[in-house]
Amino acid sequence: MSEITLPTVWILGGPGSGKGTLCDKIVAKYGFTHISTGDLLRDEVNTGSERGQELVKIMKEGALVPTSVVMELLNEKIKSKVATSKGFLIDGYPREKKQGEEFETAIKPVDMVLYLESKDETMVQRLLKRAETSGRSDDNLETIQKRLKTFHDNNDPIIEAYKSKVVIISAEQSAEEVFAEAEKKLDTLVASS
């Protein structure tokens, strides 16, 4: 266990549930560092490294990236930001219960889990709309459906394992309403840390 004492929040939700949007609002208000595991992985892919090339294959399949790779990238990123951050938002991680346990052992126990709950139809519509401008190779219907299945198969055990720390927020509402709900919980967390 390291010396990290800053509040740490996991943001969970299916692809297209609004995690990135919520994180932007939290960063603006609270000064937290937003760490998207998806962005960390895409950055690694863009380096053209051998590890990046392996990640391309895995991501095209819509499968989960090995925990060891994600933990390495997360740990490096968090340690590089400890001195300048007021807290950490970990977006899109853990993807499965075992990853959560490994995060808590290697980095620190999570303080809160914000879960953006959304209907599959809503997430598909949002992702297809995003695909028009994102240029992301994983924003196509076939891959979206694989990503949703992977998400559902792995998310329920996480929510169950961390239920004492989970805050469920409906992602069917507007981004402003989602943030207002998150804000109430984060104000309490920040005040107590």
N, C-alpha and C. Protein backbone atom coordinates (compact mmCIF):
# COMPACT_ATOMS: atom_id res chain seq x y z
N MET A 1 0.86 -1.19 0.00
CA MET A 1 0.00 0.00 0.00
C MET A 1 0.89 1.24 0.00
N SER A 2 0.54 2.20 -0.84
CA SER A 2 1.38 3.40 -0.94
C SER A 2 0.88 4.48 0.01
N GLU A 3 1.50 5.66 -0.07
CA GLU A 3 1.21 6.75 0.84
C GLU A 3 0.11 7.68 0.31
N ILE A 4 -0.65 7.25 -0.67
CA ILE A 4 -1.67 8.11 -1.27
C ILE A 4 -2.86 8.23 -0.32
N THR A 5 -3.16 9.48 0.07
CA THR A 5 -4.27 9.71 1.00
C THR A 5 -5.39 10.53 0.37
N LEU A 6 -5.20 10.98 -0.85
CA LEU A 6 -6.21 11.81 -1.52
C LEU A 6 -7.48 10.99 -1.79
N PRO A 7 -8.66 11.66 -1.76
CA PRO A 7 -9.90 10.95 -2.06
C PRO A 7 -9.83 10.31 -3.45
N THR A 8 -10.29 9.08 -3.52
CA THR A 8 -10.27 8.35 -4.78
C THR A 8 -11.66 7.82 -5.08
N VAL A 9 -12.15 8.16 -6.27
CA VAL A 9 -13.51 7.80 -6.68
C VAL A 9 -13.44 7.03 -7.99
N TRP A 10 -14.12 5.89 -8.03
CA TRP A 10 -14.26 5.17 -9.30
C TRP A 10 -15.55 5.62 -9.94
N ILE A 11 -15.50 5.88 -11.25
CA ILE A 11 -16.69 6.22 -12.02
C ILE A 11 -17.00 5.02 -12.90
N LEU A 12 -18.12 4.36 -12.63
CA LEU A 12 -18.51 3.19 -13.41
C LEU A 12 -19.78 3.47 -14.19
N GLY A 13 -19.91 2.80 -15.31
CA GLY A 13 -21.09 2.93 -16.16
C GLY A 13 -20.75 2.31 -17.49
N GLY A 14 -21.75 1.90 -18.21
CA GLY A 14 -21.52 1.29 -19.51
C GLY A 14 -20.93 2.28 -20.49
N PRO A 15 -20.48 1.78 -21.64
CA PRO A 15 -19.97 2.69 -22.68
C PRO A 15 -21.08 3.65 -23.11
N GLY A 16 -20.79 4.94 -23.11
CA GLY A 16 -21.81 5.91 -23.51
C GLY A 16 -22.75 6.34 -22.40
N SER A 17 -22.43 6.00 -21.14
CA SER A 17 -23.31 6.38 -20.03
C SER A 17 -23.04 7.80 -19.54
N GLY A 18 -21.98 8.44 -20.03
CA GLY A 18 -21.70 9.82 -19.65
C GLY A 18 -20.59 9.98 -18.64
N LYS A 19 -19.74 8.97 -18.50
CA LYS A 19 -18.66 9.04 -17.51
C LYS A 19 -17.71 10.21 -17.78
N GLY A 20 -17.30 10.38 -19.03
CA GLY A 20 -16.36 11.45 -19.36
C GLY A 20 -16.93 12.83 -19.08
N THR A 21 -18.20 13.02 -19.43
CA THR A 21 -18.88 14.30 -19.20
C THR A 21 -18.94 14.62 -17.71
N LEU A 22 -19.33 13.62 -16.91
CA LEU A 22 -19.40 13.82 -15.47
C LEU A 22 -18.02 14.14 -14.91
N CYS A 23 -17.02 13.42 -15.36
CA CYS A 23 -15.66 13.65 -14.86
C CYS A 23 -15.19 15.08 -15.15
N ASP A 24 -15.49 15.59 -16.34
CA ASP A 24 -15.11 16.96 -16.69
C ASP A 24 -15.69 17.95 -15.68
N LYS A 25 -16.95 17.75 -15.30
CA LYS A 25 -17.62 18.66 -14.36
C LYS A 25 -17.01 18.54 -12.95
N ILE A 26 -16.68 17.32 -12.55
CA ILE A 26 -16.07 17.11 -11.23
C ILE A 26 -14.68 17.74 -11.17
N VAL A 27 -13.90 17.56 -12.22
CA VAL A 27 -12.55 18.16 -12.28
C VAL A 27 -12.66 19.68 -12.14
N ALA A 28 -13.60 20.29 -12.87
CA ALA A 28 -13.75 21.74 -12.85
C ALA A 28 -14.10 22.24 -11.45
N LYS A 29 -14.96 21.54 -10.73
CA LYS A 29 -15.37 22.01 -9.41
C LYS A 29 -14.40 21.63 -8.29
N TYR A 30 -13.89 20.42 -8.31
CA TYR A 30 -13.15 19.90 -7.16
C TYR A 30 -11.62 19.83 -7.33
N GLY A 31 -11.13 20.02 -8.55
CA GLY A 31 -9.69 19.94 -8.76
C GLY A 31 -9.13 18.52 -8.70
N PHE A 32 -10.00 17.55 -8.91
CA PHE A 32 -9.54 16.15 -8.96
C PHE A 32 -8.81 15.92 -10.28
N THR A 33 -7.99 14.88 -10.32
CA THR A 33 -7.35 14.45 -11.56
C THR A 33 -8.19 13.33 -12.15
N HIS A 34 -8.60 13.52 -13.40
CA HIS A 34 -9.41 12.52 -14.11
C HIS A 34 -8.47 11.56 -14.82
N ILE A 35 -8.55 10.30 -14.47
CA ILE A 35 -7.75 9.29 -15.14
C ILE A 35 -8.69 8.30 -15.81
N SER A 36 -8.73 8.38 -17.12
CA SER A 36 -9.55 7.45 -17.91
C SER A 36 -8.66 6.30 -18.35
N THR A 37 -9.02 5.10 -17.93
CA THR A 37 -8.21 3.96 -18.34
C THR A 37 -8.27 3.81 -19.86
N GLY A 38 -9.40 4.15 -20.45
CA GLY A 38 -9.50 4.10 -21.92
C GLY A 38 -8.48 5.03 -22.56
N ASP A 39 -8.36 6.26 -22.03
CA ASP A 39 -7.38 7.21 -22.57
C ASP A 39 -5.95 6.72 -22.34
N LEU A 40 -5.69 6.17 -21.15
CA LEU A 40 -4.35 5.63 -20.87
C LEU A 40 -3.98 4.56 -21.90
N LEU A 41 -4.95 3.69 -22.19
CA LEU A 41 -4.71 2.60 -23.15
C LEU A 41 -4.53 3.15 -24.56
N ARG A 42 -5.40 4.10 -24.94
CA ARG A 42 -5.27 4.69 -26.29
C ARG A 42 -3.95 5.43 -26.44
N ASP A 43 -3.51 6.13 -25.38
CA ASP A 43 -2.21 6.81 -25.42
C ASP A 43 -1.08 5.80 -25.63
N GLU A 44 -1.19 4.67 -24.95
CA GLU A 44 -0.17 3.62 -25.09
C GLU A 44 -0.17 3.07 -26.52
N VAL A 45 -1.37 2.88 -27.09
CA VAL A 45 -1.48 2.41 -28.47
C VAL A 45 -0.79 3.39 -29.41
N ASN A 46 -1.02 4.69 -29.17
CA ASN A 46 -0.46 5.73 -30.04
C ASN A 46 1.06 5.84 -29.98
N THR A 47 1.68 5.25 -28.95
CA THR A 47 3.15 5.27 -28.90
C THR A 47 3.73 4.31 -29.93
N GLY A 48 2.88 3.37 -30.41
CA GLY A 48 3.36 2.39 -31.38
C GLY A 48 4.23 1.31 -30.76
N SER A 49 4.28 1.27 -29.43
CA SER A 49 5.11 0.27 -28.73
C SER A 49 4.56 -1.13 -28.97
N GLU A 50 5.36 -2.11 -28.61
CA GLU A 50 4.92 -3.51 -28.73
C GLU A 50 3.67 -3.73 -27.86
N ARG A 51 3.69 -3.17 -26.65
CA ARG A 51 2.54 -3.29 -25.75
C ARG A 51 1.32 -2.62 -26.40
N GLY A 52 1.54 -1.47 -27.04
CA GLY A 52 0.46 -0.76 -27.73
C GLY A 52 -0.14 -1.59 -28.85
N GLN A 53 0.69 -2.29 -29.60
CA GLN A 53 0.20 -3.12 -30.71
C GLN A 53 -0.63 -4.29 -30.20
N GLU A 54 -0.24 -4.87 -29.06
CA GLU A 54 -1.03 -5.94 -28.44
C GLU A 54 -2.39 -5.40 -28.01
N LEU A 55 -2.39 -4.18 -27.47
CA LEU A 55 -3.63 -3.56 -27.01
C LEU A 55 -4.60 -3.35 -28.16
N VAL A 56 -4.10 -3.00 -29.34
CA VAL A 56 -4.95 -2.79 -30.51
C VAL A 56 -5.77 -4.05 -30.78
N LYS A 57 -5.11 -5.19 -30.78
CA LYS A 57 -5.80 -6.46 -31.05
C LYS A 57 -6.89 -6.72 -30.02
N ILE A 58 -6.56 -6.53 -28.76
CA ILE A 58 -7.51 -6.78 -27.67
C ILE A 58 -8.71 -5.84 -27.78
N MET A 59 -8.45 -4.55 -28.01
CA MET A 59 -9.52 -3.55 -28.07
C MET A 59 -10.45 -3.78 -29.26
N LYS A 60 -9.91 -4.24 -30.38
CA LYS A 60 -10.74 -4.52 -31.56
C LYS A 60 -11.72 -5.65 -31.29
N GLU A 61 -11.34 -6.57 -30.41
CA GLU A 61 -12.20 -7.69 -30.04
C GLU A 61 -13.26 -7.27 -29.02
N GLY A 62 -13.09 -6.09 -28.44
CA GLY A 62 -14.01 -5.64 -27.39
C GLY A 62 -13.75 -6.37 -26.07
N ALA A 63 -12.60 -7.05 -25.97
CA ALA A 63 -12.26 -7.83 -24.77
C ALA A 63 -11.59 -6.95 -23.72
N LEU A 64 -11.41 -7.51 -22.52
CA LEU A 64 -10.76 -6.78 -21.44
C LEU A 64 -9.24 -6.86 -21.56
N VAL A 65 -8.59 -5.73 -21.35
CA VAL A 65 -7.13 -5.66 -21.36
C VAL A 65 -6.63 -6.32 -20.06
N PRO A 66 -5.52 -7.06 -20.10
CA PRO A 66 -5.00 -7.70 -18.88
C PRO A 66 -4.82 -6.69 -17.74
N THR A 67 -5.25 -7.10 -16.56
CA THR A 67 -5.19 -6.25 -15.38
C THR A 67 -3.79 -5.71 -15.12
N SER A 68 -2.78 -6.56 -15.30
CA SER A 68 -1.41 -6.14 -15.00
C SER A 68 -1.00 -4.92 -15.82
N VAL A 69 -1.42 -4.88 -17.08
CA VAL A 69 -1.08 -3.76 -17.96
C VAL A 69 -1.77 -2.49 -17.48
N VAL A 70 -3.07 -2.60 -17.18
CA VAL A 70 -3.83 -1.43 -16.74
C VAL A 70 -3.30 -0.92 -15.40
N MET A 71 -3.00 -1.83 -14.47
CA MET A 71 -2.48 -1.43 -13.16
C MET A 71 -1.16 -0.68 -13.28
N GLU A 72 -0.28 -1.15 -14.15
CA GLU A 72 1.00 -0.47 -14.37
C GLU A 72 0.76 0.97 -14.82
N LEU A 73 -0.10 1.12 -15.84
CA LEU A 73 -0.37 2.45 -16.38
C LEU A 73 -1.04 3.35 -15.34
N LEU A 74 -2.01 2.80 -14.59
CA LEU A 74 -2.71 3.57 -13.56
C LEU A 74 -1.75 4.02 -12.45
N ASN A 75 -0.95 3.10 -11.98
CA ASN A 75 -0.03 3.40 -10.90
C ASN A 75 0.94 4.51 -11.28
N GLU A 76 1.50 4.42 -12.50
CA GLU A 76 2.42 5.45 -12.99
C GLU A 76 1.73 6.81 -13.03
N LYS A 77 0.51 6.83 -13.57
CA LYS A 77 -0.23 8.08 -13.73
C LYS A 77 -0.56 8.71 -12.36
N ILE A 78 -1.08 7.90 -11.45
CA ILE A 78 -1.46 8.42 -10.13
C ILE A 78 -0.23 8.97 -9.40
N LYS A 79 0.85 8.22 -9.38
CA LYS A 79 2.06 8.68 -8.69
C LYS A 79 2.59 9.98 -9.28
N SER A 80 2.42 10.16 -10.59
CA SER A 80 2.92 11.38 -11.23
C SER A 80 2.06 12.60 -10.89
N LYS A 81 0.84 12.38 -10.36
CA LYS A 81 -0.09 13.49 -10.10
C LYS A 81 -0.36 13.75 -8.61
N VAL A 82 0.17 12.92 -7.72
CA VAL A 82 -0.13 13.05 -6.29
C VAL A 82 0.15 14.45 -5.76
N ALA A 83 1.26 15.04 -6.14
CA ALA A 83 1.68 16.34 -5.59
C ALA A 83 0.77 17.49 -6.02
N THR A 84 0.11 17.35 -7.16
CA THR A 84 -0.64 18.49 -7.71
C THR A 84 -2.16 18.29 -7.71
N SER A 85 -2.63 17.15 -7.24
CA SER A 85 -4.06 16.85 -7.32
C SER A 85 -4.76 16.98 -5.98
N LYS A 86 -6.09 17.17 -6.03
CA LYS A 86 -6.90 17.20 -4.81
C LYS A 86 -7.67 15.89 -4.63
N GLY A 87 -7.54 15.00 -5.60
CA GLY A 87 -8.23 13.71 -5.54
C GLY A 87 -8.15 13.06 -6.90
N PHE A 88 -8.62 11.83 -6.97
CA PHE A 88 -8.55 11.08 -8.23
C PHE A 88 -9.91 10.52 -8.63
N LEU A 89 -10.23 10.71 -9.90
CA LEU A 89 -11.41 10.10 -10.51
C LEU A 89 -10.90 9.03 -11.44
N ILE A 90 -11.20 7.80 -11.16
CA ILE A 90 -10.76 6.71 -12.01
C ILE A 90 -11.95 6.28 -12.84
N ASP A 91 -11.88 6.57 -14.12
CA ASP A 91 -13.00 6.41 -15.05
C ASP A 91 -12.81 5.12 -15.85
N GLY A 92 -13.81 4.24 -15.76
CA GLY A 92 -13.76 3.00 -16.54
C GLY A 92 -12.92 1.91 -15.90
N TYR A 93 -12.72 2.00 -14.60
CA TYR A 93 -11.94 0.99 -13.90
C TYR A 93 -12.44 0.94 -12.47
N PRO A 94 -12.61 -0.20 -11.88
CA PRO A 94 -12.29 -1.52 -12.40
C PRO A 94 -13.35 -2.03 -13.37
N ARG A 95 -12.95 -2.90 -14.27
CA ARG A 95 -13.87 -3.52 -15.21
C ARG A 95 -14.40 -4.85 -14.67
N GLU A 96 -13.73 -5.38 -13.66
CA GLU A 96 -14.18 -6.62 -13.01
C GLU A 96 -13.75 -6.58 -11.55
N LYS A 97 -14.41 -7.38 -10.72
CA LYS A 97 -14.19 -7.35 -9.27
C LYS A 97 -12.71 -7.53 -8.90
N LYS A 98 -12.04 -8.49 -9.53
CA LYS A 98 -10.64 -8.78 -9.22
C LYS A 98 -9.77 -7.53 -9.43
N GLN A 99 -10.07 -6.74 -10.46
CA GLN A 99 -9.30 -5.51 -10.72
C GLN A 99 -9.48 -4.53 -9.57
N GLY A 100 -10.69 -4.45 -9.04
CA GLY A 100 -10.94 -3.56 -7.91
C GLY A 100 -10.11 -3.95 -6.70
N GLU A 101 -10.08 -5.26 -6.44
CA GLU A 101 -9.30 -5.76 -5.31
C GLU A 101 -7.82 -5.45 -5.50
N GLU A 102 -7.33 -5.65 -6.72
CA GLU A 102 -5.91 -5.38 -7.00
C GLU A 102 -5.58 -3.89 -6.88
N PHE A 103 -6.50 -3.04 -7.34
CA PHE A 103 -6.32 -1.59 -7.21
C PHE A 103 -6.16 -1.22 -5.74
N GLU A 104 -7.08 -1.74 -4.91
CA GLU A 104 -7.07 -1.39 -3.49
C GLU A 104 -5.81 -1.90 -2.79
N THR A 105 -5.29 -3.02 -3.22
CA THR A 105 -4.06 -3.56 -2.63
C THR A 105 -2.84 -2.78 -3.09
N ALA A 106 -2.76 -2.49 -4.38
CA ALA A 106 -1.55 -1.87 -4.95
C ALA A 106 -1.52 -0.36 -4.82
N ILE A 107 -2.69 0.29 -4.83
CA ILE A 107 -2.71 1.76 -4.85
C ILE A 107 -3.32 2.33 -3.58
N LYS A 108 -4.62 2.13 -3.37
CA LYS A 108 -5.28 2.56 -2.12
C LYS A 108 -6.73 2.12 -2.15
N PRO A 109 -7.36 2.01 -0.98
CA PRO A 109 -8.79 1.69 -0.97
C PRO A 109 -9.60 2.82 -1.61
N VAL A 110 -10.62 2.45 -2.36
CA VAL A 110 -11.48 3.45 -2.99
C VAL A 110 -12.37 4.08 -1.92
N ASP A 111 -12.67 5.37 -2.07
CA ASP A 111 -13.52 6.06 -1.10
C ASP A 111 -14.99 6.05 -1.51
N MET A 112 -15.24 6.09 -2.82
CA MET A 112 -16.61 6.14 -3.32
C MET A 112 -16.64 5.57 -4.73
N VAL A 113 -17.79 4.96 -5.07
CA VAL A 113 -17.99 4.44 -6.42
C VAL A 113 -19.26 5.10 -6.96
N LEU A 114 -19.11 5.93 -7.99
CA LEU A 114 -20.27 6.53 -8.65
C LEU A 114 -20.63 5.65 -9.84
N TYR A 115 -21.84 5.10 -9.82
CA TYR A 115 -22.28 4.20 -10.89
C TYR A 115 -23.38 4.88 -11.71
N LEU A 116 -23.08 5.17 -12.97
CA LEU A 116 -24.05 5.79 -13.87
C LEU A 116 -24.84 4.68 -14.56
N GLU A 117 -26.08 4.53 -14.11
CA GLU A 117 -26.93 3.45 -14.61
C GLU A 117 -27.73 3.95 -15.82
N SER A 118 -27.69 3.18 -16.90
CA SER A 118 -28.33 3.61 -18.15
C SER A 118 -28.86 2.41 -18.92
N LYS A 119 -29.93 2.64 -19.69
CA LYS A 119 -30.47 1.58 -20.55
C LYS A 119 -29.52 1.35 -21.72
N ASP A 120 -29.45 0.10 -22.18
CA ASP A 120 -28.60 -0.22 -23.33
C ASP A 120 -28.95 0.64 -24.54
N GLU A 121 -30.25 0.81 -24.80
CA GLU A 121 -30.67 1.58 -25.99
C GLU A 121 -30.10 3.00 -25.94
N THR A 122 -30.14 3.60 -24.75
CA THR A 122 -29.61 4.96 -24.59
C THR A 122 -28.12 5.00 -24.89
N MET A 123 -27.38 4.02 -24.35
CA MET A 123 -25.93 4.00 -24.56
C MET A 123 -25.59 3.78 -26.03
N VAL A 124 -26.32 2.87 -26.70
CA VAL A 124 -26.07 2.62 -28.12
C VAL A 124 -26.30 3.89 -28.93
N GLN A 125 -27.42 4.59 -28.68
CA GLN A 125 -27.72 5.83 -29.40
C GLN A 125 -26.61 6.87 -29.20
N ARG A 126 -26.18 7.04 -27.96
CA ARG A 126 -25.13 8.02 -27.66
C ARG A 126 -23.82 7.67 -28.36
N LEU A 127 -23.46 6.38 -28.35
CA LEU A 127 -22.19 5.96 -28.96
C LEU A 127 -22.23 6.10 -30.48
N LEU A 128 -23.36 5.78 -31.09
CA LEU A 128 -23.46 5.92 -32.54
C LEU A 128 -23.39 7.39 -32.93
N LYS A 129 -23.99 8.26 -32.10
CA LYS A 129 -23.91 9.70 -32.36
C LYS A 129 -22.45 10.17 -32.20
N ARG A 130 -21.78 9.69 -31.15
CA ARG A 130 -20.37 10.06 -30.92
C ARG A 130 -19.50 9.59 -32.08
N ALA A 131 -19.84 8.43 -32.65
CA ALA A 131 -19.05 7.85 -33.75
C ALA A 131 -18.98 8.79 -34.95
N GLU A 132 -20.00 9.63 -35.12
CA GLU A 132 -20.03 10.55 -36.26
C GLU A 132 -18.85 11.53 -36.21
N THR A 133 -18.34 11.80 -35.00
CA THR A 133 -17.27 12.79 -34.87
C THR A 133 -16.01 12.28 -34.17
N SER A 134 -16.09 11.12 -33.51
CA SER A 134 -14.97 10.71 -32.64
C SER A 134 -13.78 10.11 -33.38
N GLY A 135 -14.05 9.44 -34.50
CA GLY A 135 -12.97 8.75 -35.19
C GLY A 135 -12.47 7.53 -34.43
N ARG A 136 -13.20 7.12 -33.39
CA ARG A 136 -12.78 5.95 -32.60
C ARG A 136 -13.21 4.67 -33.30
N SER A 137 -12.27 3.75 -33.46
CA SER A 137 -12.56 2.50 -34.17
C SER A 137 -13.52 1.61 -33.39
N ASP A 138 -13.68 1.85 -32.08
CA ASP A 138 -14.58 1.00 -31.30
C ASP A 138 -15.99 1.58 -31.19
N ASP A 139 -16.28 2.67 -31.90
CA ASP A 139 -17.63 3.24 -31.92
C ASP A 139 -18.40 2.77 -33.16
N ASN A 140 -18.54 1.45 -33.33
CA ASN A 140 -19.39 0.91 -34.39
C ASN A 140 -20.32 -0.10 -33.73
N LEU A 141 -21.48 -0.36 -34.37
CA LEU A 141 -22.53 -1.13 -33.72
C LEU A 141 -22.06 -2.50 -33.23
N GLU A 142 -21.32 -3.22 -34.06
CA GLU A 142 -20.88 -4.57 -33.67
C GLU A 142 -20.00 -4.52 -32.41
N THR A 143 -19.03 -3.62 -32.41
CA THR A 143 -18.13 -3.51 -31.26
C THR A 143 -18.87 -2.96 -30.04
N ILE A 144 -19.80 -2.02 -30.26
CA ILE A 144 -20.59 -1.47 -29.15
C ILE A 144 -21.35 -2.60 -28.46
N GLN A 145 -21.97 -3.50 -29.24
CA GLN A 145 -22.73 -4.60 -28.65
C GLN A 145 -21.82 -5.53 -27.85
N LYS A 146 -20.62 -5.79 -28.35
CA LYS A 146 -19.66 -6.62 -27.61
C LYS A 146 -19.25 -5.92 -26.31
N ARG A 147 -19.01 -4.60 -26.40
CA ARG A 147 -18.60 -3.84 -25.22
C ARG A 147 -19.70 -3.84 -24.15
N LEU A 148 -20.96 -3.72 -24.59
CA LEU A 148 -22.08 -3.74 -23.64
C LEU A 148 -22.18 -5.10 -22.94
N LYS A 149 -22.03 -6.17 -23.70
CA LYS A 149 -22.10 -7.51 -23.11
C LYS A 149 -20.97 -7.70 -22.09
N THR A 150 -19.76 -7.31 -22.48
CA THR A 150 -18.61 -7.42 -21.57
C THR A 150 -18.87 -6.60 -20.30
N PHE A 151 -19.42 -5.39 -20.48
CA PHE A 151 -19.72 -4.53 -19.33
C PHE A 151 -20.71 -5.21 -18.39
N HIS A 152 -21.84 -5.68 -18.93
CA HIS A 152 -22.86 -6.30 -18.08
C HIS A 152 -22.34 -7.54 -17.37
N ASP A 153 -21.58 -8.36 -18.07
CA ASP A 153 -21.05 -9.60 -17.47
C ASP A 153 -20.16 -9.31 -16.27
N ASN A 154 -19.45 -8.20 -16.31
CA ASN A 154 -18.44 -7.92 -15.28
C ASN A 154 -18.84 -6.88 -14.24
N ASN A 155 -19.81 -6.02 -14.54
CA ASN A 155 -20.11 -4.89 -13.66
C ASN A 155 -20.90 -5.29 -12.41
N ASP A 156 -21.89 -6.18 -12.56
CA ASP A 156 -22.75 -6.51 -11.42
C ASP A 156 -21.96 -7.00 -10.19
N PRO A 157 -20.97 -7.89 -10.38
CA PRO A 157 -20.19 -8.32 -9.20
C PRO A 157 -19.42 -7.17 -8.54
N ILE A 158 -19.02 -6.17 -9.30
CA ILE A 158 -18.31 -5.01 -8.72
C ILE A 158 -19.27 -4.23 -7.84
N ILE A 159 -20.46 -3.95 -8.39
CA ILE A 159 -21.46 -3.18 -7.65
C ILE A 159 -21.81 -3.91 -6.35
N GLU A 160 -21.95 -5.22 -6.43
CA GLU A 160 -22.27 -6.03 -5.25
C GLU A 160 -21.12 -5.98 -4.22
N ALA A 161 -19.90 -6.15 -4.69
CA ALA A 161 -18.74 -6.20 -3.78
C ALA A 161 -18.50 -4.87 -3.06
N TYR A 162 -18.84 -3.76 -3.73
CA TYR A 162 -18.56 -2.44 -3.15
C TYR A 162 -19.84 -1.70 -2.76
N LYS A 163 -20.93 -2.45 -2.51
CA LYS A 163 -22.22 -1.80 -2.32
C LYS A 163 -22.24 -0.75 -1.21
N SER A 164 -21.38 -0.90 -0.20
CA SER A 164 -21.37 0.09 0.88
C SER A 164 -20.78 1.43 0.41
N LYS A 165 -20.08 1.42 -0.72
CA LYS A 165 -19.46 2.66 -1.23
C LYS A 165 -20.10 3.15 -2.53
N VAL A 166 -21.07 2.38 -3.05
CA VAL A 166 -21.67 2.69 -4.35
C VAL A 166 -22.78 3.73 -4.22
N VAL A 167 -22.74 4.71 -5.12
CA VAL A 167 -23.82 5.69 -5.27
C VAL A 167 -24.35 5.49 -6.69
N ILE A 168 -25.61 5.05 -6.81
CA ILE A 168 -26.20 4.82 -8.13
C ILE A 168 -26.89 6.10 -8.59
N ILE A 169 -26.54 6.54 -9.79
CA ILE A 169 -27.12 7.75 -10.38
C ILE A 169 -27.70 7.37 -11.73
N SER A 170 -28.94 7.75 -11.99
CA SER A 170 -29.55 7.46 -13.29
C SER A 170 -28.90 8.33 -14.36
N ALA A 171 -28.33 7.67 -15.37
CA ALA A 171 -27.70 8.40 -16.48
C ALA A 171 -28.70 8.66 -17.60
N GLU A 172 -29.97 8.39 -17.33
CA GLU A 172 -31.02 8.70 -18.31
C GLU A 172 -31.37 10.18 -18.26
N GLN A 173 -30.98 10.86 -17.19
CA GLN A 173 -31.28 12.29 -17.03
C GLN A 173 -30.18 13.14 -17.66
N SER A 174 -30.37 14.45 -17.63
CA SER A 174 -29.40 15.35 -18.26
C SER A 174 -28.06 15.33 -17.52
N ALA A 175 -27.01 15.76 -18.20
CA ALA A 175 -25.68 15.82 -17.60
C ALA A 175 -25.68 16.71 -16.36
N GLU A 176 -26.47 17.78 -16.38
CA GLU A 176 -26.55 18.70 -15.24
C GLU A 176 -27.19 18.00 -14.03
N GLU A 177 -28.25 17.22 -14.29
CA GLU A 177 -28.92 16.50 -13.20
C GLU A 177 -28.02 15.41 -12.62
N VAL A 178 -27.28 14.73 -13.49
CA VAL A 178 -26.34 13.70 -13.04
C VAL A 178 -25.30 14.36 -12.13
N PHE A 179 -24.76 15.49 -12.56
CA PHE A 179 -23.73 16.18 -11.77
C PHE A 179 -24.29 16.65 -10.43
N ALA A 180 -25.52 17.17 -10.42
CA ALA A 180 -26.13 17.66 -9.18
C ALA A 180 -26.22 16.53 -8.15
N GLU A 181 -26.56 15.33 -8.60
CA GLU A 181 -26.63 14.18 -7.68
C GLU A 181 -25.23 13.81 -7.19
N ALA A 182 -24.28 13.78 -8.10
CA ALA A 182 -22.90 13.42 -7.74
C ALA A 182 -22.33 14.44 -6.76
N GLU A 183 -22.64 15.71 -7.01
CA GLU A 183 -22.13 16.82 -6.20
C GLU A 183 -22.49 16.65 -4.72
N LYS A 184 -23.74 16.26 -4.45
CA LYS A 184 -24.18 16.09 -3.06
C LYS A 184 -23.27 15.09 -2.33
N LYS A 185 -22.96 14.00 -2.99
CA LYS A 185 -22.13 12.96 -2.37
C LYS A 185 -20.66 13.40 -2.29
N LEU A 186 -20.18 14.05 -3.34
CA LEU A 186 -18.77 14.48 -3.36
C LEU A 186 -18.50 15.59 -2.35
N ASP A 187 -19.47 16.49 -2.15
CA ASP A 187 -19.30 17.54 -1.14
C ASP A 187 -19.03 16.92 0.23
N THR A 188 -19.78 15.87 0.56
CA THR A 188 -19.61 15.17 1.83
C THR A 188 -18.25 14.49 1.90
N LEU A 189 -17.85 13.83 0.82
CA LEU A 189 -16.56 13.13 0.78
C LEU A 189 -15.40 14.11 0.95
N VAL A 190 -15.44 15.21 0.21
CA VAL A 190 -14.36 16.20 0.24
C VAL A 190 -14.28 16.84 1.63
N ALA A 191 -15.44 17.12 2.23
CA ALA A 191 -15.46 17.74 3.56
C ALA A 191 -14.84 16.82 4.62
N SER A 192 -14.96 15.51 4.42
CA SER A 192 -14.46 14.57 5.43
C SER A 192 -13.02 14.12 5.19
N SER A 193 -12.41 14.61 4.08
CA SER A 193 -11.04 14.13 3.82
C SER A 193 -10.00 15.21 4.06
